[in-house]
N, C-alpha and C. Protein backbone atom coordinates (compact mmCIF):
# COMPACT_ATOMS: atom_id res chain seq x y z
N MET A 1 70.90 15.40 -9.77
CA MET A 1 70.88 15.09 -8.35
C MET A 1 70.53 16.52 -7.47
N THR A 2 71.37 17.41 -7.61
CA THR A 2 71.22 18.92 -6.86
C THR A 2 69.32 19.59 -7.45
N ARG A 3 69.16 18.84 -8.86
CA ARG A 3 67.98 20.07 -9.27
C ARG A 3 67.14 18.92 -8.17
N LEU A 4 67.02 17.66 -8.15
CA LEU A 4 66.20 17.02 -7.36
C LEU A 4 65.98 17.18 -5.85
N VAL A 5 67.11 17.51 -5.85
CA VAL A 5 66.99 18.11 -4.06
C VAL A 5 66.34 19.42 -3.94
N THR A 6 66.36 20.57 -4.83
CA THR A 6 66.07 21.58 -4.55
C THR A 6 64.52 21.24 -4.99
N LEU A 7 64.24 20.67 -5.77
CA LEU A 7 62.41 20.80 -5.98
C LEU A 7 61.89 20.02 -4.60
N PHE A 8 62.80 18.97 -4.05
CA PHE A 8 62.55 18.11 -3.12
C PHE A 8 62.14 19.33 -1.82
N CYS A 9 63.12 20.56 -1.57
CA CYS A 9 63.19 21.67 -1.01
C CYS A 9 61.90 22.51 -1.07
N LEU A 10 61.39 22.45 -2.29
CA LEU A 10 60.66 23.84 -2.74
C LEU A 10 59.39 22.94 -2.23
N ALA A 11 59.13 21.36 -2.41
CA ALA A 11 57.85 20.86 -2.24
C ALA A 11 57.63 21.30 -0.43
N LEU A 12 58.92 20.61 -0.11
CA LEU A 12 58.32 20.59 1.32
C LEU A 12 57.86 22.35 1.92
N LEU A 13 58.69 23.17 1.64
CA LEU A 13 58.19 24.39 1.84
C LEU A 13 56.67 25.01 1.00
N ALA A 14 56.31 24.55 0.51
CA ALA A 14 55.11 24.90 -0.25
C ALA A 14 53.90 24.04 0.85
N LEU A 15 54.79 22.84 1.67
CA LEU A 15 53.78 21.94 1.96
C LEU A 15 53.62 23.04 3.29
N ALA A 16 54.71 23.29 3.93
CA ALA A 16 54.70 24.05 5.38
C ALA A 16 54.33 25.28 5.51
N GLY A 17 54.07 25.88 4.13
CA GLY A 17 53.29 27.33 4.00
C GLY A 17 53.95 28.45 4.74
N PRO A 18 53.57 29.63 5.20
CA PRO A 18 54.05 30.38 6.25
C PRO A 18 54.55 30.14 7.60
N ALA A 19 53.69 29.20 7.99
CA ALA A 19 54.25 28.32 9.06
C ALA A 19 55.72 28.02 9.26
N ALA A 20 56.52 27.65 8.23
CA ALA A 20 57.62 27.56 8.49
C ALA A 20 58.44 28.80 8.90
N PHE A 21 58.37 29.95 8.46
CA PHE A 21 58.92 31.02 8.92
C PHE A 21 58.18 31.71 10.00
N ALA A 22 57.26 31.12 10.81
CA ALA A 22 56.98 31.62 11.89
C ALA A 22 57.98 32.10 12.75
N GLY A 23 57.86 33.14 13.98
CA GLY A 23 58.86 33.29 15.02
C GLY A 23 60.06 33.66 14.26
N ALA A 24 60.26 34.06 13.16
CA ALA A 24 61.69 34.42 12.64
C ALA A 24 61.70 35.81 13.08
N PRO A 25 62.62 36.38 13.89
CA PRO A 25 62.73 37.66 14.34
C PRO A 25 63.00 38.62 13.09
N ASP A 26 62.81 39.93 13.54
CA ASP A 26 63.47 41.07 12.35
C ASP A 26 64.43 41.84 12.74
N PHE A 27 65.86 41.42 12.56
CA PHE A 27 66.78 41.80 12.90
C PHE A 27 67.46 43.38 12.32
N THR A 28 65.93 43.91 11.38
CA THR A 28 66.56 44.96 10.71
C THR A 28 67.00 46.27 11.69
N THR A 29 66.18 46.27 12.90
CA THR A 29 66.30 47.07 13.82
C THR A 29 67.32 47.22 14.73
N TRP A 30 68.27 46.04 14.71
CA TRP A 30 69.13 45.79 15.23
C TRP A 30 70.55 46.27 14.76
N LEU A 31 71.51 46.63 15.98
CA LEU A 31 72.78 47.37 15.47
C LEU A 31 73.89 46.01 15.52
N THR A 32 74.97 45.88 14.48
CA THR A 32 75.22 44.76 14.56
C THR A 32 76.87 44.89 14.22
N ASN A 33 77.59 43.30 15.32
CA ASN A 33 78.85 43.63 15.41
C ASN A 33 79.58 45.10 16.08
N VAL A 34 80.81 44.95 15.99
CA VAL A 34 81.63 46.08 16.65
C VAL A 34 81.01 47.43 15.90
N PRO A 35 80.63 47.66 14.70
CA PRO A 35 80.13 48.92 14.48
C PRO A 35 78.98 49.08 14.78
N GLY A 36 77.87 48.53 15.37
CA GLY A 36 76.98 48.28 16.19
C GLY A 36 77.11 48.63 17.37
N MET A 37 78.01 47.96 17.88
CA MET A 37 78.07 48.54 19.51
C MET A 37 78.65 49.70 19.88
N LEU A 38 79.21 50.24 18.68
CA LEU A 38 79.86 51.74 18.87
C LEU A 38 79.02 52.91 18.65
N GLU A 39 78.03 52.18 18.00
CA GLU A 39 76.78 53.30 17.55
C GLU A 39 76.06 53.24 19.02
N ALA A 40 75.59 52.01 19.42
CA ALA A 40 75.31 51.47 20.49
C ALA A 40 75.78 52.55 22.41
N ALA A 41 77.17 52.40 22.00
CA ALA A 41 77.96 52.94 23.01
C ALA A 41 77.53 54.48 22.66
N GLN A 42 77.75 55.20 22.10
CA GLN A 42 77.59 56.69 21.67
C GLN A 42 75.95 56.69 22.18
N GLU A 43 75.20 56.22 21.68
CA GLU A 43 73.97 56.54 22.36
C GLU A 43 73.39 56.44 24.08
N TYR A 44 74.27 55.52 24.25
CA TYR A 44 74.16 55.07 25.80
C TYR A 44 74.66 56.26 26.89
N GLU A 45 75.87 56.80 25.80
CA GLU A 45 76.50 57.84 26.92
C GLU A 45 75.54 59.14 27.47
N LYS A 46 74.49 58.99 26.10
CA LYS A 46 73.51 59.98 26.46
C LYS A 46 72.42 59.65 27.68
N GLY A 47 72.91 58.42 27.89
CA GLY A 47 72.29 58.04 29.22
C GLY A 47 70.28 57.81 29.16
N GLU A 48 70.47 57.56 28.09
CA GLU A 48 68.27 57.38 27.69
C GLU A 48 67.86 56.24 27.56
N LYS A 49 68.73 55.42 27.02
CA LYS A 49 68.52 54.03 26.92
C LYS A 49 69.86 52.95 27.10
N PRO A 50 69.22 51.86 27.83
CA PRO A 50 70.18 50.87 28.30
C PRO A 50 69.86 49.76 26.65
N ILE A 51 71.60 49.36 26.55
CA ILE A 51 71.96 48.51 25.31
C ILE A 51 71.64 46.57 26.04
N PHE A 52 71.13 46.04 25.11
CA PHE A 52 71.14 44.77 25.11
C PHE A 52 71.64 44.28 24.13
N VAL A 53 72.97 43.05 24.47
CA VAL A 53 73.89 42.60 23.48
C VAL A 53 73.69 41.15 23.65
N TYR A 54 73.77 40.56 22.24
CA TYR A 54 73.49 39.30 21.96
C TYR A 54 74.28 38.62 21.39
N PHE A 55 75.38 37.62 22.04
CA PHE A 55 76.12 37.08 21.06
C PHE A 55 75.84 35.84 20.65
N TYR A 56 76.23 35.56 19.91
CA TYR A 56 75.55 34.22 19.20
C TYR A 56 76.53 33.62 17.63
N THR A 57 76.43 32.74 16.86
CA THR A 57 77.45 32.44 16.62
C THR A 57 76.00 31.68 15.23
N ASP A 58 76.23 31.25 14.07
CA ASP A 58 75.62 30.92 12.94
C ASP A 58 75.02 29.46 12.89
N TRP A 59 76.09 28.50 13.93
CA TRP A 59 76.01 27.41 13.81
C TRP A 59 75.48 26.62 15.28
N CYS A 60 74.87 27.63 16.13
CA CYS A 60 74.33 27.24 17.54
C CYS A 60 73.02 26.99 17.45
N GLY A 61 72.38 26.28 17.91
CA GLY A 61 70.92 25.50 17.60
C GLY A 61 70.37 26.21 18.90
N TYR A 62 71.11 26.45 20.20
CA TYR A 62 70.57 27.33 21.17
C TYR A 62 70.43 28.83 20.81
N CYS A 63 70.68 29.04 20.09
CA CYS A 63 70.72 30.61 19.44
C CYS A 63 69.71 30.54 18.52
N ARG A 64 69.59 29.64 17.55
CA ARG A 64 68.00 29.53 16.58
C ARG A 64 67.10 29.52 17.96
N GLN A 65 67.24 28.40 18.45
CA GLN A 65 65.61 28.46 19.61
C GLN A 65 65.57 29.90 20.30
N PHE A 66 66.65 30.39 20.61
CA PHE A 66 66.29 31.60 21.28
C PHE A 66 65.55 32.73 20.13
N GLU A 67 66.21 32.83 19.03
CA GLU A 67 65.64 33.58 18.18
C GLU A 67 64.26 33.42 17.95
N ARG A 68 63.97 32.04 17.50
CA ARG A 68 62.80 31.88 17.14
C ARG A 68 61.34 31.83 18.23
N GLU A 69 62.01 31.42 19.72
CA GLU A 69 60.93 31.01 20.16
C GLU A 69 60.77 32.50 21.32
N LEU A 70 62.10 33.31 21.63
CA LEU A 70 62.18 34.71 22.35
C LEU A 70 62.27 35.70 21.34
N LEU A 71 63.17 35.88 20.85
CA LEU A 71 63.03 37.24 19.96
C LEU A 71 62.28 37.56 19.14
N GLY A 72 61.85 35.97 18.31
CA GLY A 72 60.93 36.32 17.57
C GLY A 72 59.19 36.62 18.23
N SER A 73 59.22 36.76 19.14
CA SER A 73 57.50 36.47 19.67
C SER A 73 57.64 37.94 19.63
N ASP A 74 56.37 38.56 19.49
CA ASP A 74 55.60 39.79 19.00
C ASP A 74 56.38 40.81 20.38
N GLU A 75 55.98 39.93 21.86
CA GLU A 75 56.34 41.29 22.15
C GLU A 75 57.78 41.11 23.00
N VAL A 76 58.53 40.37 22.60
CA VAL A 76 59.99 40.73 23.08
C VAL A 76 60.51 41.59 21.80
N ALA A 77 59.89 41.61 20.91
CA ALA A 77 60.50 42.23 19.60
C ALA A 77 59.92 43.91 19.49
N ASP A 78 58.85 43.83 20.25
CA ASP A 78 58.60 45.08 20.44
C ASP A 78 59.25 45.81 21.57
N TYR A 79 59.03 44.99 22.43
CA TYR A 79 60.19 45.80 23.66
C TYR A 79 61.54 45.80 23.19
N MET A 80 62.35 45.22 22.73
CA MET A 80 63.74 45.04 21.79
C MET A 80 63.56 46.56 20.91
N SER A 81 62.66 47.06 20.25
CA SER A 81 62.71 48.21 19.47
C SER A 81 62.50 49.23 20.66
N SER A 82 62.36 48.93 21.87
CA SER A 82 62.88 50.41 22.49
C SER A 82 63.76 50.65 23.16
N ILE A 83 64.60 49.68 23.24
CA ILE A 83 66.10 49.34 23.84
C ILE A 83 67.47 49.90 22.82
N LEU A 84 68.54 49.67 22.69
CA LEU A 84 69.81 49.76 21.88
C LEU A 84 70.09 48.12 21.87
N ALA A 85 69.61 47.24 20.75
CA ALA A 85 70.05 46.15 20.59
C ALA A 85 71.26 45.90 19.67
N VAL A 86 71.82 45.04 20.27
CA VAL A 86 72.94 44.64 19.39
C VAL A 86 73.47 43.05 18.97
N ARG A 87 73.47 42.67 18.01
CA ARG A 87 73.82 41.29 17.72
C ARG A 87 75.42 40.98 17.20
N VAL A 88 75.79 40.31 18.10
CA VAL A 88 77.46 40.45 18.09
C VAL A 88 77.91 38.72 17.86
N ASN A 89 78.39 38.47 16.49
CA ASN A 89 79.13 37.13 16.20
C ASN A 89 80.26 37.07 16.08
N PRO A 90 80.87 36.56 17.25
CA PRO A 90 82.25 37.04 17.73
C PRO A 90 83.28 35.76 16.14
N GLU A 91 82.43 35.43 15.57
CA GLU A 91 83.36 34.33 14.49
C GLU A 91 83.42 35.42 13.33
N SER A 92 82.70 36.45 13.47
CA SER A 92 82.52 37.41 11.90
C SER A 92 83.81 38.25 12.02
N GLY A 93 84.79 38.44 12.97
CA GLY A 93 86.19 39.09 12.88
C GLY A 93 86.49 39.27 13.94
N ARG A 94 88.13 39.96 13.46
CA ARG A 94 88.97 40.15 14.67
C ARG A 94 87.94 41.01 16.01
N GLY A 95 87.86 42.10 15.62
CA GLY A 95 87.08 42.89 16.75
C GLY A 95 85.81 42.27 17.43
N GLU A 96 85.24 41.35 16.72
CA GLU A 96 83.91 40.83 17.20
C GLU A 96 84.68 39.86 18.26
N ALA A 97 85.64 38.82 17.91
CA ALA A 97 86.09 38.11 18.66
C ALA A 97 87.02 38.47 20.11
N GLU A 98 87.31 39.88 19.81
CA GLU A 98 87.65 40.38 21.28
C GLU A 98 86.93 41.01 21.95
N LEU A 99 85.75 41.64 20.97
CA LEU A 99 84.61 41.84 22.07
C LEU A 99 84.21 40.82 22.84
N GLY A 100 84.19 39.68 22.26
CA GLY A 100 83.66 38.49 22.84
C GLY A 100 84.26 38.20 23.95
N ARG A 101 85.72 38.22 24.05
CA ARG A 101 86.64 37.83 24.75
C ARG A 101 86.72 38.97 25.91
N ARG A 102 86.15 39.99 25.74
CA ARG A 102 86.17 41.58 26.78
C ARG A 102 85.00 40.78 27.57
N TYR A 103 83.95 40.53 27.41
CA TYR A 103 82.79 40.19 28.20
C TYR A 103 82.64 38.60 28.49
N GLY A 104 83.93 37.69 28.23
CA GLY A 104 84.35 36.98 29.11
C GLY A 104 82.75 35.65 28.48
N VAL A 105 82.69 36.13 27.13
CA VAL A 105 81.46 34.79 26.05
C VAL A 105 82.14 33.55 26.04
N SER A 106 82.16 32.65 26.35
CA SER A 106 82.43 31.00 26.33
C SER A 106 81.38 30.38 26.20
N SER A 107 80.43 30.85 26.12
CA SER A 107 79.31 29.60 25.31
C SER A 107 78.27 30.47 24.91
N PHE A 108 77.29 30.07 23.74
CA PHE A 108 76.61 30.74 22.97
C PHE A 108 74.80 30.33 23.57
N PRO A 109 74.17 31.08 23.17
CA PRO A 109 74.17 32.51 23.58
C PRO A 109 74.53 32.97 24.50
N ALA A 110 75.07 34.14 24.55
CA ALA A 110 75.32 35.07 26.26
C ALA A 110 74.61 36.46 25.37
N LEU A 111 73.93 36.63 26.35
CA LEU A 111 73.31 37.89 26.93
C LEU A 111 73.73 39.19 28.16
N PHE A 112 73.50 40.18 27.28
CA PHE A 112 74.50 41.56 28.45
C PHE A 112 73.52 42.82 28.68
N VAL A 113 72.85 43.20 29.32
CA VAL A 113 72.46 44.53 29.87
C VAL A 113 73.40 45.58 30.22
N HIS A 114 73.43 46.29 29.54
CA HIS A 114 74.15 47.83 30.31
C HIS A 114 72.83 48.31 30.46
N SER A 115 72.79 48.35 32.02
CA SER A 115 72.13 49.10 32.47
C SER A 115 72.38 51.05 32.15
N SER A 116 71.11 51.79 31.81
CA SER A 116 71.15 53.35 31.81
C SER A 116 70.92 54.09 32.80
N GLU A 117 70.82 53.35 33.78
CA GLU A 117 70.50 54.04 35.07
C GLU A 117 71.72 53.81 36.34
N SER A 118 72.12 52.58 36.39
CA SER A 118 73.25 52.54 37.16
C SER A 118 74.69 52.31 36.44
N LYS A 119 74.51 52.32 35.39
CA LYS A 119 75.57 52.13 34.52
C LYS A 119 76.85 50.86 34.98
N THR A 120 75.76 49.36 34.68
CA THR A 120 76.16 48.22 35.46
C THR A 120 76.35 47.59 34.02
N ILE A 121 77.11 46.09 34.43
CA ILE A 121 76.83 45.10 33.11
C ILE A 121 76.12 44.14 33.60
N THR A 122 74.65 43.56 33.15
CA THR A 122 74.62 42.74 33.66
C THR A 122 74.39 41.11 32.94
N ARG A 123 74.83 40.20 33.33
CA ARG A 123 75.29 38.98 31.99
C ARG A 123 72.83 38.25 32.72
N VAL A 124 72.35 38.37 31.53
CA VAL A 124 70.95 37.76 31.84
C VAL A 124 70.93 36.13 31.18
N GLN A 125 70.05 35.78 31.35
CA GLN A 125 69.64 34.04 31.37
C GLN A 125 68.50 34.09 30.38
N ARG A 126 68.63 33.24 29.68
CA ARG A 126 67.20 32.73 28.62
C ARG A 126 66.27 31.70 29.30
N MET A 127 67.03 31.05 30.19
CA MET A 127 66.21 29.56 30.82
C MET A 127 65.97 29.90 31.94
N GLU A 128 65.07 28.97 32.70
CA GLU A 128 64.79 28.79 33.89
C GLU A 128 64.72 27.19 34.37
N MET A 129 64.72 27.17 35.97
CA MET A 129 64.83 25.40 36.04
C MET A 129 63.46 25.25 36.46
N VAL A 130 62.49 24.52 36.04
CA VAL A 130 60.94 24.01 36.16
C VAL A 130 60.87 22.57 36.78
N ASP A 131 61.17 22.23 37.75
CA ASP A 131 61.29 20.93 38.41
C ASP A 131 62.17 20.12 37.96
N GLY A 132 63.41 20.92 37.80
CA GLY A 132 64.82 20.33 37.59
C GLY A 132 65.23 20.00 36.01
N ARG A 133 64.25 20.78 35.41
CA ARG A 133 64.48 20.82 34.02
C ARG A 133 64.61 22.23 33.49
N PRO A 134 65.94 22.63 32.70
CA PRO A 134 65.70 24.19 31.90
C PRO A 134 64.91 24.03 31.10
N LYS A 135 64.36 25.13 31.53
CA LYS A 135 63.09 25.57 30.27
C LYS A 135 63.34 27.04 29.97
N LEU A 136 62.91 27.48 28.36
CA LEU A 136 63.27 28.52 28.35
C LEU A 136 61.74 29.50 28.76
N LEU A 137 62.57 30.69 28.91
CA LEU A 137 61.42 31.56 29.69
C LEU A 137 60.46 31.76 28.54
N SER A 138 59.09 32.71 28.97
CA SER A 138 58.19 33.22 28.25
C SER A 138 58.73 34.53 27.62
N PRO A 139 58.33 34.97 27.21
CA PRO A 139 58.30 36.06 26.33
C PRO A 139 58.26 37.32 27.84
N ASP A 140 57.52 36.95 28.41
CA ASP A 140 56.98 38.03 29.53
C ASP A 140 57.88 37.94 30.79
N ALA A 141 58.43 37.00 30.92
CA ALA A 141 59.03 36.48 32.50
C ALA A 141 60.39 36.94 31.48
N PHE A 142 60.67 36.82 30.04
CA PHE A 142 62.03 37.29 29.85
C PHE A 142 62.52 39.12 29.80
N ILE A 143 61.35 39.62 29.44
CA ILE A 143 61.09 40.82 29.04
C ILE A 143 61.85 41.19 30.80
N ASP A 144 60.93 40.53 31.83
CA ASP A 144 60.91 41.15 33.38
C ASP A 144 62.30 41.28 33.48
N MET A 145 63.47 40.07 32.91
CA MET A 145 64.42 39.94 33.41
C MET A 145 65.16 40.52 33.13
N ILE A 146 64.91 40.99 31.76
CA ILE A 146 65.92 42.66 31.36
C ILE A 146 65.99 43.75 32.05
N LYS A 147 64.38 43.78 32.40
CA LYS A 147 64.18 45.12 33.06
C LYS A 147 64.96 45.06 34.60
N GLN A 148 64.74 44.13 35.15
CA GLN A 148 65.58 43.65 36.34
C GLN A 148 67.06 44.09 36.24
N ALA A 149 67.58 44.00 35.06
CA ALA A 149 69.04 43.65 34.78
C ALA A 149 69.73 45.77 34.41
N GLY A 150 67.81 46.18 34.45
CA GLY A 150 68.62 47.68 34.53
C GLY A 150 67.79 48.49 33.45
N ALA A 151 67.30 47.54 31.96
CA ALA A 151 66.44 48.28 31.54
C ALA A 151 65.38 48.28 31.53
N HIS A 152 64.94 49.54 31.38
CA HIS A 152 63.62 49.94 31.55
C HIS A 152 62.50 50.03 30.81
C-alpha cells in the first residue's frame, strides 16, 4: 500500500512539474529561532539594519499561504535580503516559546519590525480589508507596510 501511495504522489508531482514548487521562499538567508534572534540583535545594535521577525508553526495554513504568496514573491524576497530577517517557530524549543511569549504572540503568523531608526517594535499585518473581506496584501503593499514600521 505504501508503495502505491508513493508512486501516486510521484505521478502527481510529475504532472504538476516545476509549478508545484513555484512561490516557495528561499529561507537560506534568514536567521532562525533563538540563535538567529541573538545574531540579529547584535547586528541591530550597530544601528544599520532593521529586524523583521516572523513567528510561524509548521501546521499553520495561514503561514504557508503567507510564505507562498508574499515571502515567495521576487519583490519581497529581494527586500528581505536587505534587512535582518528572522524566522521563529515557538514550538521548536523552550527558548523559542519564551520569545513568542515576550512578543505576545497568540496566533500565527505573527510579524514584527524592529526599527533601526526609532528603536521601536511594531506589529505588522499581512492582510487588508477589501469590500469587507480580508485579502492578502500585494508584495509592494507588504514592503511598504514594513518600511512604514521603520524598516528602510
